[in-house]
């Protein structure tokens, strides 16, 4: 498949996404994996947890891990602010909170807008992404949470 071919077959295929910012860059995920979006609240650290796990928080009686998504992607860790958000997602039956700099938008995009990441982008683990979305406001990296948090690895975050 060439770089200019869409990853999702037909123009009429529509996908709902939630776009957010990490370190000045736009990323997105499918909305069907998202349970809710919350404002930033400090989490409780857990000893010997993975480096990207900030800690845990109580979400209506359920303790969930909070993941610094920038750190998970190999970027500089997020310094939370009043604009930061926690995107609560269900991945492989485990609920996690993903810390992002801010939520940008909820969009519906056509499959034809999603293109492969160019081969020269070798520093980015392409297995974490389903491609790049071309949008009026620029390019958005389309993340695949299922692959990013493989089923066996996701269990390490379970509280």
N, C-alpha and C. Protein backbone atom coordinates (compact mmCIF):
# COMPACT_ATOMS: atom_id res chain seq x y z
N UNK A 1 0.85 -1.19 0.00
CA UNK A 1 0.00 0.00 0.00
C UNK A 1 0.89 1.24 0.00
N UNK A 2 0.62 2.17 -0.84
CA UNK A 2 1.42 3.39 -0.88
C UNK A 2 1.00 4.34 0.22
N UNK A 3 1.85 5.32 0.49
CA UNK A 3 1.57 6.28 1.54
C UNK A 3 0.30 7.06 1.30
N UNK A 4 -0.07 7.28 0.05
CA UNK A 4 -1.22 8.12 -0.24
C UNK A 4 -2.53 7.35 -0.21
N UNK A 5 -2.47 6.03 -0.14
CA UNK A 5 -3.71 5.25 -0.09
C UNK A 5 -4.29 5.29 1.31
N UNK A 6 -5.61 5.41 1.42
CA UNK A 6 -6.23 5.40 2.74
C UNK A 6 -6.11 4.02 3.38
N UNK A 7 -6.06 4.00 4.71
CA UNK A 7 -5.97 2.73 5.43
C UNK A 7 -7.33 2.06 5.57
N UNK A 8 -8.37 2.85 5.60
CA UNK A 8 -9.71 2.30 5.73
C UNK A 8 -10.39 2.53 4.40
N UNK A 9 -10.68 1.42 3.73
CA UNK A 9 -11.14 1.38 2.36
C UNK A 9 -11.86 2.53 1.74
N UNK A 10 -13.12 2.71 2.00
CA UNK A 10 -13.95 3.58 1.18
C UNK A 10 -14.17 4.95 1.79
N UNK A 11 -14.40 5.92 0.92
CA UNK A 11 -14.65 7.28 1.39
C UNK A 11 -15.85 7.37 2.32
N UNK A 12 -16.83 6.50 2.13
CA UNK A 12 -18.05 6.62 2.94
C UNK A 12 -17.89 5.99 4.33
N UNK A 13 -16.78 5.26 4.58
CA UNK A 13 -16.51 4.75 5.93
C UNK A 13 -16.28 5.95 6.84
N UNK A 14 -17.02 6.03 7.93
CA UNK A 14 -16.89 7.15 8.86
C UNK A 14 -16.46 6.62 10.22
N UNK A 15 -15.56 7.34 10.86
CA UNK A 15 -15.05 6.97 12.17
C UNK A 15 -15.17 8.18 13.08
N UNK A 16 -15.70 7.97 14.28
CA UNK A 16 -15.75 9.05 15.26
C UNK A 16 -14.49 8.96 16.11
N UNK A 17 -13.83 10.11 16.26
CA UNK A 17 -12.58 10.17 17.03
C UNK A 17 -12.65 11.29 18.06
N UNK A 18 -11.83 11.17 19.06
CA UNK A 18 -11.61 12.25 20.01
C UNK A 18 -10.16 12.67 19.84
N UNK A 19 -9.95 13.96 19.56
CA UNK A 19 -8.61 14.49 19.34
C UNK A 19 -8.13 15.18 20.61
N UNK A 20 -6.83 15.06 20.87
CA UNK A 20 -6.23 15.69 22.04
C UNK A 20 -4.79 16.06 21.74
N UNK A 21 -4.24 16.91 22.60
CA UNK A 21 -2.87 17.39 22.42
C UNK A 21 -1.94 16.76 23.45
N UNK A 22 -0.74 16.41 22.96
CA UNK A 22 0.36 15.95 23.80
C UNK A 22 1.60 16.68 23.33
N UNK A 23 2.21 17.45 24.20
CA UNK A 23 3.46 18.15 23.88
C UNK A 23 3.36 18.94 22.56
N UNK A 24 2.23 19.60 22.34
CA UNK A 24 2.04 20.44 21.16
C UNK A 24 1.67 19.70 19.89
N UNK A 25 1.48 18.39 19.97
CA UNK A 25 1.11 17.60 18.80
C UNK A 25 -0.31 17.06 18.97
N UNK A 26 -0.99 16.85 17.84
CA UNK A 26 -2.36 16.33 17.85
C UNK A 26 -2.34 14.81 17.71
N UNK A 27 -3.12 14.14 18.55
CA UNK A 27 -3.32 12.70 18.50
C UNK A 27 -4.82 12.46 18.62
N UNK A 28 -5.25 11.25 18.30
CA UNK A 28 -6.66 10.90 18.47
C UNK A 28 -6.81 9.41 18.68
N UNK A 29 -7.98 9.03 19.19
CA UNK A 29 -8.38 7.63 19.34
C UNK A 29 -9.85 7.53 18.96
N UNK A 30 -10.31 6.31 18.70
CA UNK A 30 -11.73 6.09 18.40
C UNK A 30 -12.55 6.40 19.65
N UNK A 31 -13.68 7.04 19.47
CA UNK A 31 -14.53 7.39 20.61
C UNK A 31 -15.15 6.15 21.26
N UNK A 32 -15.30 5.06 20.50
CA UNK A 32 -15.97 3.89 21.08
C UNK A 32 -15.17 3.27 22.23
N UNK A 33 -13.87 3.60 22.36
CA UNK A 33 -13.08 3.08 23.47
C UNK A 33 -13.14 3.99 24.70
N UNK A 34 -13.72 5.19 24.54
CA UNK A 34 -13.70 6.20 25.60
C UNK A 34 -14.98 6.12 26.44
N UNK A 35 -14.79 6.09 27.75
CA UNK A 35 -15.93 6.09 28.67
C UNK A 35 -16.33 7.51 29.07
N UNK A 36 -15.32 8.33 29.36
CA UNK A 36 -15.60 9.71 29.79
C UNK A 36 -14.31 10.52 29.76
N UNK A 37 -14.47 11.83 29.91
CA UNK A 37 -13.35 12.75 29.99
C UNK A 37 -13.50 13.51 31.30
N UNK A 38 -12.41 13.56 32.06
CA UNK A 38 -12.42 14.22 33.36
C UNK A 38 -11.33 15.28 33.42
N UNK A 39 -11.54 16.25 34.26
CA UNK A 39 -10.47 17.22 34.52
C UNK A 39 -9.36 16.56 35.32
N UNK A 40 -8.20 17.18 35.31
CA UNK A 40 -7.05 16.63 36.01
C UNK A 40 -7.26 16.65 37.53
N UNK A 41 -6.98 15.52 38.14
CA UNK A 41 -6.92 15.37 39.59
C UNK A 41 -5.67 14.58 39.90
N UNK A 42 -4.94 14.96 40.94
CA UNK A 42 -3.73 14.19 41.28
C UNK A 42 -4.08 12.73 41.58
N UNK A 43 -3.14 11.84 41.27
CA UNK A 43 -3.34 10.42 41.54
C UNK A 43 -2.44 9.99 42.69
N UNK A 44 -2.72 8.82 43.21
CA UNK A 44 -1.93 8.26 44.30
C UNK A 44 -0.86 7.35 43.71
N UNK A 45 0.42 7.67 43.95
CA UNK A 45 1.50 6.85 43.38
C UNK A 45 1.45 5.40 43.89
N UNK A 46 1.90 4.48 43.05
CA UNK A 46 1.98 3.07 43.40
C UNK A 46 3.44 2.64 43.26
N UNK A 47 4.05 2.13 44.35
CA UNK A 47 5.46 1.72 44.27
C UNK A 47 5.69 0.64 43.21
N UNK A 48 6.84 0.69 42.55
CA UNK A 48 7.27 -0.29 41.56
C UNK A 48 6.34 -0.40 40.35
N UNK A 49 5.62 0.67 40.03
CA UNK A 49 4.74 0.66 38.86
C UNK A 49 5.56 1.05 37.62
N UNK A 50 5.04 0.75 36.43
CA UNK A 50 5.74 1.16 35.20
C UNK A 50 5.96 2.67 35.18
N UNK A 51 7.02 3.12 34.52
CA UNK A 51 7.39 4.55 34.54
C UNK A 51 6.29 5.47 34.04
N UNK A 52 5.46 4.99 33.09
CA UNK A 52 4.40 5.85 32.55
C UNK A 52 3.15 5.89 33.43
N UNK A 53 3.10 5.04 34.44
CA UNK A 53 1.93 5.02 35.33
C UNK A 53 2.15 6.04 36.45
N UNK A 54 1.32 7.08 36.45
CA UNK A 54 1.43 8.13 37.45
C UNK A 54 0.95 7.67 38.81
N UNK A 55 0.00 6.76 38.82
CA UNK A 55 -0.60 6.28 40.05
C UNK A 55 -2.00 5.78 39.78
N UNK A 56 -2.83 5.83 40.80
CA UNK A 56 -4.22 5.37 40.68
C UNK A 56 -5.15 6.45 41.23
N UNK A 57 -6.40 6.38 40.78
CA UNK A 57 -7.43 7.27 41.33
C UNK A 57 -8.74 6.50 41.48
N UNK A 58 -9.60 7.04 42.33
CA UNK A 58 -10.90 6.44 42.58
C UNK A 58 -11.91 7.06 41.61
N UNK A 59 -12.48 6.22 40.76
CA UNK A 59 -13.50 6.67 39.82
C UNK A 59 -14.82 6.01 40.21
N UNK A 60 -15.62 6.74 40.98
CA UNK A 60 -16.91 6.25 41.46
C UNK A 60 -16.81 4.85 42.09
N UNK A 61 -15.85 4.68 42.98
CA UNK A 61 -15.72 3.43 43.71
C UNK A 61 -14.82 2.40 43.06
N UNK A 62 -14.30 2.69 41.87
CA UNK A 62 -13.40 1.77 41.18
C UNK A 62 -12.03 2.43 41.08
N UNK A 63 -10.98 1.73 41.52
CA UNK A 63 -9.63 2.26 41.45
C UNK A 63 -9.08 1.96 40.05
N UNK A 64 -8.65 3.03 39.36
CA UNK A 64 -8.12 2.88 38.00
C UNK A 64 -6.70 3.45 37.91
N UNK A 65 -5.86 2.87 37.05
CA UNK A 65 -4.52 3.42 36.85
C UNK A 65 -4.59 4.67 35.98
N UNK A 66 -3.69 5.62 36.25
CA UNK A 66 -3.57 6.84 35.45
C UNK A 66 -2.23 6.77 34.71
N UNK A 67 -2.31 6.82 33.39
CA UNK A 67 -1.15 6.67 32.53
C UNK A 67 -0.80 8.01 31.90
N UNK A 68 0.46 8.40 31.99
CA UNK A 68 0.96 9.59 31.29
C UNK A 68 1.14 9.15 29.83
N UNK A 69 0.20 9.51 28.97
CA UNK A 69 0.21 9.03 27.59
C UNK A 69 1.44 9.52 26.83
N UNK A 70 1.90 10.72 27.10
CA UNK A 70 3.11 11.21 26.44
C UNK A 70 4.30 10.32 26.79
N UNK A 71 4.44 9.97 28.05
CA UNK A 71 5.53 9.09 28.48
C UNK A 71 5.40 7.71 27.84
N UNK A 72 4.19 7.18 27.75
CA UNK A 72 3.95 5.89 27.11
C UNK A 72 4.41 5.91 25.66
N UNK A 73 4.28 7.07 25.00
CA UNK A 73 4.67 7.21 23.61
C UNK A 73 6.14 7.59 23.44
N UNK A 74 6.88 7.65 24.55
CA UNK A 74 8.31 7.97 24.48
C UNK A 74 8.60 9.45 24.42
N UNK A 75 7.61 10.28 24.73
CA UNK A 75 7.78 11.73 24.72
C UNK A 75 8.09 12.20 26.14
N UNK A 76 8.41 13.48 26.28
CA UNK A 76 8.62 14.06 27.60
C UNK A 76 7.32 13.97 28.40
N UNK A 77 7.44 13.63 29.67
CA UNK A 77 6.25 13.50 30.52
C UNK A 77 5.47 14.81 30.59
N UNK A 78 4.19 14.67 30.77
CA UNK A 78 3.29 15.83 30.89
C UNK A 78 3.43 16.43 32.28
N UNK A 79 3.47 17.74 32.34
CA UNK A 79 3.37 18.45 33.61
C UNK A 79 1.91 18.91 33.67
N UNK A 80 1.10 18.25 34.52
CA UNK A 80 -0.34 18.56 34.53
C UNK A 80 -0.62 20.03 34.87
N UNK A 81 -1.66 20.56 34.22
CA UNK A 81 -2.12 21.92 34.47
C UNK A 81 -3.64 21.91 34.55
N UNK A 82 -4.22 23.10 34.72
CA UNK A 82 -5.69 23.19 34.79
C UNK A 82 -6.34 22.82 33.47
N UNK A 83 -5.60 22.83 32.36
CA UNK A 83 -6.14 22.45 31.05
C UNK A 83 -6.00 20.95 30.79
N UNK A 84 -5.19 20.27 31.59
CA UNK A 84 -4.98 18.83 31.39
C UNK A 84 -6.28 18.07 31.60
N UNK A 85 -6.37 16.92 30.97
CA UNK A 85 -7.57 16.09 31.09
C UNK A 85 -7.16 14.64 31.26
N UNK A 86 -8.05 13.89 31.85
CA UNK A 86 -7.90 12.44 31.94
C UNK A 86 -8.98 11.84 31.05
N UNK A 87 -8.53 11.15 30.01
CA UNK A 87 -9.43 10.47 29.09
C UNK A 87 -9.56 9.04 29.62
N UNK A 88 -10.74 8.69 30.09
CA UNK A 88 -10.96 7.36 30.67
C UNK A 88 -11.38 6.41 29.54
N UNK A 89 -10.58 5.36 29.36
CA UNK A 89 -10.80 4.42 28.26
C UNK A 89 -10.89 3.00 28.80
N UNK A 90 -11.64 2.16 28.08
CA UNK A 90 -11.67 0.73 28.39
C UNK A 90 -10.88 0.02 27.31
N UNK A 91 -9.81 -0.65 27.75
CA UNK A 91 -8.90 -1.33 26.82
C UNK A 91 -8.73 -2.76 27.32
N UNK A 92 -9.12 -3.73 26.51
CA UNK A 92 -9.01 -5.15 26.90
C UNK A 92 -9.69 -5.39 28.25
N UNK A 93 -10.86 -4.86 28.46
CA UNK A 93 -11.68 -4.99 29.67
C UNK A 93 -11.09 -4.31 30.90
N UNK A 94 -9.98 -3.57 30.74
CA UNK A 94 -9.39 -2.84 31.85
C UNK A 94 -9.64 -1.35 31.62
N UNK A 95 -10.10 -0.66 32.65
CA UNK A 95 -10.36 0.77 32.55
C UNK A 95 -9.10 1.51 33.01
N UNK A 96 -8.64 2.44 32.17
CA UNK A 96 -7.47 3.25 32.49
C UNK A 96 -7.77 4.71 32.23
N UNK A 97 -7.09 5.58 32.95
CA UNK A 97 -7.16 7.01 32.70
C UNK A 97 -5.90 7.44 31.97
N UNK A 98 -6.05 8.15 30.87
CA UNK A 98 -4.93 8.60 30.06
C UNK A 98 -4.78 10.11 30.23
N UNK A 99 -3.67 10.53 30.82
CA UNK A 99 -3.42 11.95 31.01
C UNK A 99 -2.98 12.57 29.70
N UNK A 100 -3.67 13.62 29.26
CA UNK A 100 -3.33 14.36 28.05
C UNK A 100 -3.25 15.84 28.40
N UNK A 101 -2.56 16.63 27.56
CA UNK A 101 -2.43 18.06 27.83
C UNK A 101 -3.79 18.76 27.76
N UNK A 102 -4.57 18.42 26.75
CA UNK A 102 -5.93 18.94 26.65
C UNK A 102 -6.68 18.21 25.54
N UNK A 103 -7.99 18.11 25.70
CA UNK A 103 -8.83 17.52 24.67
C UNK A 103 -9.17 18.62 23.68
N UNK A 104 -9.02 18.33 22.38
CA UNK A 104 -9.23 19.33 21.34
C UNK A 104 -10.63 19.31 20.77
N UNK A 105 -11.09 18.09 20.37
CA UNK A 105 -12.33 18.04 19.62
C UNK A 105 -12.83 16.60 19.52
N UNK A 106 -14.10 16.46 19.21
CA UNK A 106 -14.66 15.17 18.83
C UNK A 106 -15.07 15.34 17.37
N UNK A 107 -14.54 14.46 16.50
CA UNK A 107 -14.72 14.62 15.06
C UNK A 107 -15.22 13.33 14.43
N UNK A 108 -15.84 13.46 13.29
CA UNK A 108 -16.15 12.33 12.44
C UNK A 108 -15.30 12.49 11.19
N UNK A 109 -14.49 11.47 10.89
CA UNK A 109 -13.60 11.55 9.73
C UNK A 109 -13.93 10.42 8.77
N UNK A 110 -13.60 10.65 7.51
CA UNK A 110 -13.77 9.63 6.48
C UNK A 110 -12.55 8.72 6.47
N UNK A 111 -12.75 7.48 6.11
CA UNK A 111 -11.65 6.53 5.99
C UNK A 111 -10.58 7.01 5.03
N UNK A 112 -10.99 7.76 4.03
CA UNK A 112 -10.03 8.26 3.04
C UNK A 112 -9.08 9.30 3.61
N UNK A 113 -9.39 9.84 4.80
CA UNK A 113 -8.53 10.83 5.43
C UNK A 113 -7.38 10.20 6.21
N UNK A 114 -7.41 8.87 6.39
CA UNK A 114 -6.39 8.19 7.19
C UNK A 114 -5.35 7.59 6.25
N UNK A 115 -4.10 8.01 6.45
CA UNK A 115 -3.01 7.52 5.61
C UNK A 115 -1.93 6.90 6.48
N UNK A 116 -1.11 6.04 5.86
CA UNK A 116 -0.03 5.40 6.59
C UNK A 116 1.01 6.43 7.03
N UNK A 117 1.70 6.09 8.13
CA UNK A 117 2.83 6.90 8.56
C UNK A 117 3.98 6.62 7.60
N UNK A 118 4.64 7.65 7.10
CA UNK A 118 5.74 7.43 6.16
C UNK A 118 6.84 6.54 6.76
N UNK A 119 7.47 5.75 5.90
CA UNK A 119 8.53 4.83 6.32
C UNK A 119 9.68 5.51 7.03
N UNK A 120 9.98 6.76 6.72
CA UNK A 120 11.12 7.45 7.33
C UNK A 120 10.89 7.79 8.80
N UNK A 121 9.66 7.69 9.26
CA UNK A 121 9.35 8.00 10.65
C UNK A 121 9.66 6.80 11.52
N UNK A 122 10.92 6.43 11.61
CA UNK A 122 11.31 5.20 12.31
C UNK A 122 11.40 5.36 13.82
N UNK A 123 11.49 6.59 14.33
CA UNK A 123 11.62 6.76 15.77
C UNK A 123 10.30 6.54 16.49
N UNK A 124 9.20 6.54 15.77
CA UNK A 124 7.87 6.33 16.35
C UNK A 124 7.49 4.87 16.20
N UNK A 125 7.06 4.24 17.27
CA UNK A 125 6.63 2.85 17.21
C UNK A 125 5.32 2.81 16.44
N UNK A 126 5.41 2.46 15.16
CA UNK A 126 4.25 2.52 14.28
C UNK A 126 3.17 1.53 14.67
N UNK A 127 3.47 0.53 15.50
CA UNK A 127 2.44 -0.40 15.93
C UNK A 127 1.42 0.29 16.84
N UNK A 128 1.81 1.44 17.41
CA UNK A 128 0.90 2.19 18.28
C UNK A 128 -0.10 3.01 17.47
N UNK A 129 0.09 3.11 16.16
CA UNK A 129 -0.72 4.01 15.36
C UNK A 129 -1.40 3.30 14.20
N UNK A 130 -2.62 3.75 13.89
CA UNK A 130 -3.33 3.26 12.71
C UNK A 130 -3.10 4.17 11.52
N UNK A 131 -2.33 5.25 11.70
CA UNK A 131 -2.02 6.14 10.60
C UNK A 131 -2.11 7.60 10.99
N UNK A 132 -2.11 8.44 9.96
CA UNK A 132 -2.20 9.89 10.13
C UNK A 132 -3.49 10.36 9.46
N UNK A 133 -4.24 11.19 10.17
CA UNK A 133 -5.47 11.74 9.62
C UNK A 133 -5.17 13.13 9.07
N UNK A 134 -5.53 13.33 7.82
CA UNK A 134 -5.42 14.67 7.25
C UNK A 134 -6.72 15.40 7.56
N UNK A 135 -6.58 16.56 8.15
CA UNK A 135 -7.73 17.33 8.61
C UNK A 135 -7.51 18.79 8.26
N UNK A 136 -8.58 19.56 8.22
CA UNK A 136 -8.50 20.99 7.88
C UNK A 136 -7.48 21.72 8.74
N UNK A 137 -7.37 21.34 10.01
CA UNK A 137 -6.48 22.04 10.94
C UNK A 137 -5.08 21.43 11.00
N UNK A 138 -4.77 20.46 10.15
CA UNK A 138 -3.44 19.86 10.15
C UNK A 138 -3.51 18.35 10.16
N UNK A 139 -2.46 17.73 10.69
CA UNK A 139 -2.37 16.28 10.74
C UNK A 139 -2.58 15.79 12.17
N UNK A 140 -3.26 14.66 12.29
CA UNK A 140 -3.55 14.06 13.60
C UNK A 140 -3.07 12.62 13.57
N UNK A 141 -2.24 12.25 14.55
CA UNK A 141 -1.77 10.87 14.65
C UNK A 141 -2.86 10.02 15.29
N UNK A 142 -3.31 8.99 14.57
CA UNK A 142 -4.42 8.14 14.98
C UNK A 142 -3.87 6.95 15.77
N UNK A 143 -4.02 6.98 17.10
CA UNK A 143 -3.47 5.94 17.98
C UNK A 143 -4.38 4.73 18.06
N UNK A 144 -3.78 3.57 18.24
CA UNK A 144 -4.51 2.32 18.44
C UNK A 144 -4.25 1.86 19.86
N UNK A 145 -5.20 2.10 20.76
CA UNK A 145 -5.01 1.77 22.18
C UNK A 145 -4.90 0.28 22.42
N UNK A 146 -5.59 -0.53 21.62
CA UNK A 146 -5.53 -1.99 21.80
C UNK A 146 -4.12 -2.51 21.59
N UNK A 147 -3.43 -2.01 20.57
CA UNK A 147 -2.06 -2.44 20.34
C UNK A 147 -1.09 -1.78 21.31
N UNK A 148 -1.36 -0.54 21.68
CA UNK A 148 -0.48 0.17 22.60
C UNK A 148 -0.45 -0.51 23.97
N UNK A 149 -1.62 -0.98 24.38
CA UNK A 149 -1.74 -1.69 25.65
C UNK A 149 -2.13 -3.12 25.33
N UNK A 150 -1.17 -3.93 24.89
CA UNK A 150 -1.44 -5.32 24.56
C UNK A 150 -2.14 -5.99 25.74
N UNK A 151 -2.97 -6.98 25.48
CA UNK A 151 -3.79 -7.62 26.52
C UNK A 151 -2.95 -8.06 27.72
N UNK A 152 -1.81 -8.70 27.49
CA UNK A 152 -1.00 -9.17 28.62
C UNK A 152 -0.33 -8.01 29.33
N UNK A 153 0.07 -6.96 28.60
CA UNK A 153 0.69 -5.79 29.21
C UNK A 153 -0.30 -4.93 29.95
N UNK A 154 -1.53 -4.87 29.48
CA UNK A 154 -2.56 -4.07 30.14
C UNK A 154 -2.82 -4.58 31.54
N UNK A 155 -2.66 -5.87 31.74
CA UNK A 155 -2.90 -6.45 33.07
C UNK A 155 -1.94 -5.88 34.11
N UNK A 156 -0.75 -5.41 33.69
CA UNK A 156 0.21 -4.87 34.64
C UNK A 156 -0.28 -3.56 35.24
N UNK A 157 -1.28 -2.91 34.62
CA UNK A 157 -1.83 -1.68 35.13
C UNK A 157 -3.05 -1.92 36.02
N UNK A 158 -3.59 -3.12 36.00
CA UNK A 158 -4.80 -3.41 36.77
C UNK A 158 -4.53 -3.20 38.26
N UNK A 159 -5.41 -2.47 38.88
CA UNK A 159 -5.22 -2.17 40.31
C UNK A 159 -5.76 -3.27 41.18
